[in-house]
Amino acid sequence: MPVTVTEIKRVFRFQGTEYADPAPGQPPAKCLELLSVTVPKLNNAAVETPVVEKGKEVFNIKEQYGAKG
């Protein structure tokens, strides 16, 4: 019986919006850097561990809040 290999697409989710993977061959941190050009709030964000949902590898992006001063 032949084995079928299906490629899983990566997506990045931030505040309920899914963004397509801007650089599939790059690590998630580099993709976050590329996405931050169009979504400035991502400059202070971190990528969480991915989960597989409906045939997609979903990287949730969480805002980082720091202490002032």
Protein backbone atom coordinates (compact mmCIF):
# COMPACT_ATOMS: atom_id res chain seq x y z
CA MET A 1 0.00 0.00 0.00
CA PRO A 2 1.59 3.33 -1.06
CA VAL A 3 2.06 6.12 1.44
CA THR A 4 0.73 9.54 0.52
CA VAL A 5 2.67 12.55 1.75
CA THR A 6 0.74 15.78 2.08
CA GLU A 7 2.52 19.08 2.58
CA ILE A 8 1.18 21.09 5.49
CA LYS A 9 1.05 24.84 4.91
CA ARG A 10 2.16 27.19 7.66
CA VAL A 11 0.07 30.16 8.70
CA PHE A 12 0.61 32.77 11.37
CA ARG A 13 -2.35 33.89 13.50
CA PHE A 14 -2.39 37.23 15.30
CA GLN A 15 -5.47 38.66 17.01
CA GLY A 16 -7.78 36.35 15.05
CA THR A 17 -6.28 37.17 11.63
CA GLU A 18 -4.37 34.52 9.69
CA TYR A 19 -1.37 35.56 7.63
CA ALA A 20 0.15 33.39 4.92
CA ASP A 21 3.70 32.22 5.44
CA PRO A 22 5.92 34.93 3.85
CA ALA A 23 8.98 32.65 3.63
CA PRO A 24 8.20 28.91 3.84
CA GLY A 25 11.88 27.89 3.98
CA GLN A 26 12.74 30.21 6.87
CA PRO A 27 12.33 29.71 10.63
CA PRO A 28 9.20 31.17 12.27
CA ALA A 29 11.17 34.02 13.91
CA LYS A 30 12.34 35.24 10.49
CA CYS A 31 8.77 35.06 9.17
CA LEU A 32 7.61 37.13 12.14
CA GLU A 33 10.26 39.72 11.26
CA LEU A 34 9.01 39.85 7.66
CA LEU A 35 5.37 40.15 8.73
CA SER A 36 6.22 43.00 11.12
CA VAL A 37 6.90 45.24 8.12
CA THR A 38 3.18 45.31 7.35
CA VAL A 39 1.88 44.77 10.91
CA PRO A 40 3.98 46.99 13.24
CA LYS A 41 2.52 45.45 16.43
CA LEU A 42 4.45 42.30 15.59
CA ASN A 43 7.73 44.05 16.44
CA ASN A 44 6.99 43.29 20.09
CA ALA A 45 5.59 39.80 19.63
CA ALA A 46 6.67 36.19 19.95
CA VAL A 47 5.77 33.04 18.05
CA GLU A 48 4.25 30.25 20.14
CA THR A 49 4.61 26.52 19.56
CA PRO A 50 2.66 25.50 16.44
CA VAL A 51 -0.50 23.42 16.43
CA VAL A 52 -2.02 21.55 13.49
CA GLU A 53 -5.57 22.62 12.67
CA LYS A 54 -7.54 21.50 9.63
CA GLY A 55 -4.43 20.51 7.69
CA LYS A 56 -2.50 23.72 8.49
CA GLU A 57 0.39 24.30 10.87
CA VAL A 58 -0.76 27.34 12.85
CA PHE A 59 1.75 29.52 14.67
CA ASN A 60 -0.05 31.76 17.14
CA ILE A 61 1.63 35.09 17.69
CA LYS A 62 1.41 36.62 21.12
CA GLU A 63 2.10 40.25 21.97
CA GLN A 64 4.87 40.81 24.48
CA TYR A 65 4.27 43.41 27.16
CA GLY A 66 7.19 44.82 29.06
CA ALA A 67 7.56 46.95 32.13
CA LYS A 68 8.04 50.65 31.57
CA GLY A 69 10.97 52.50 33.04
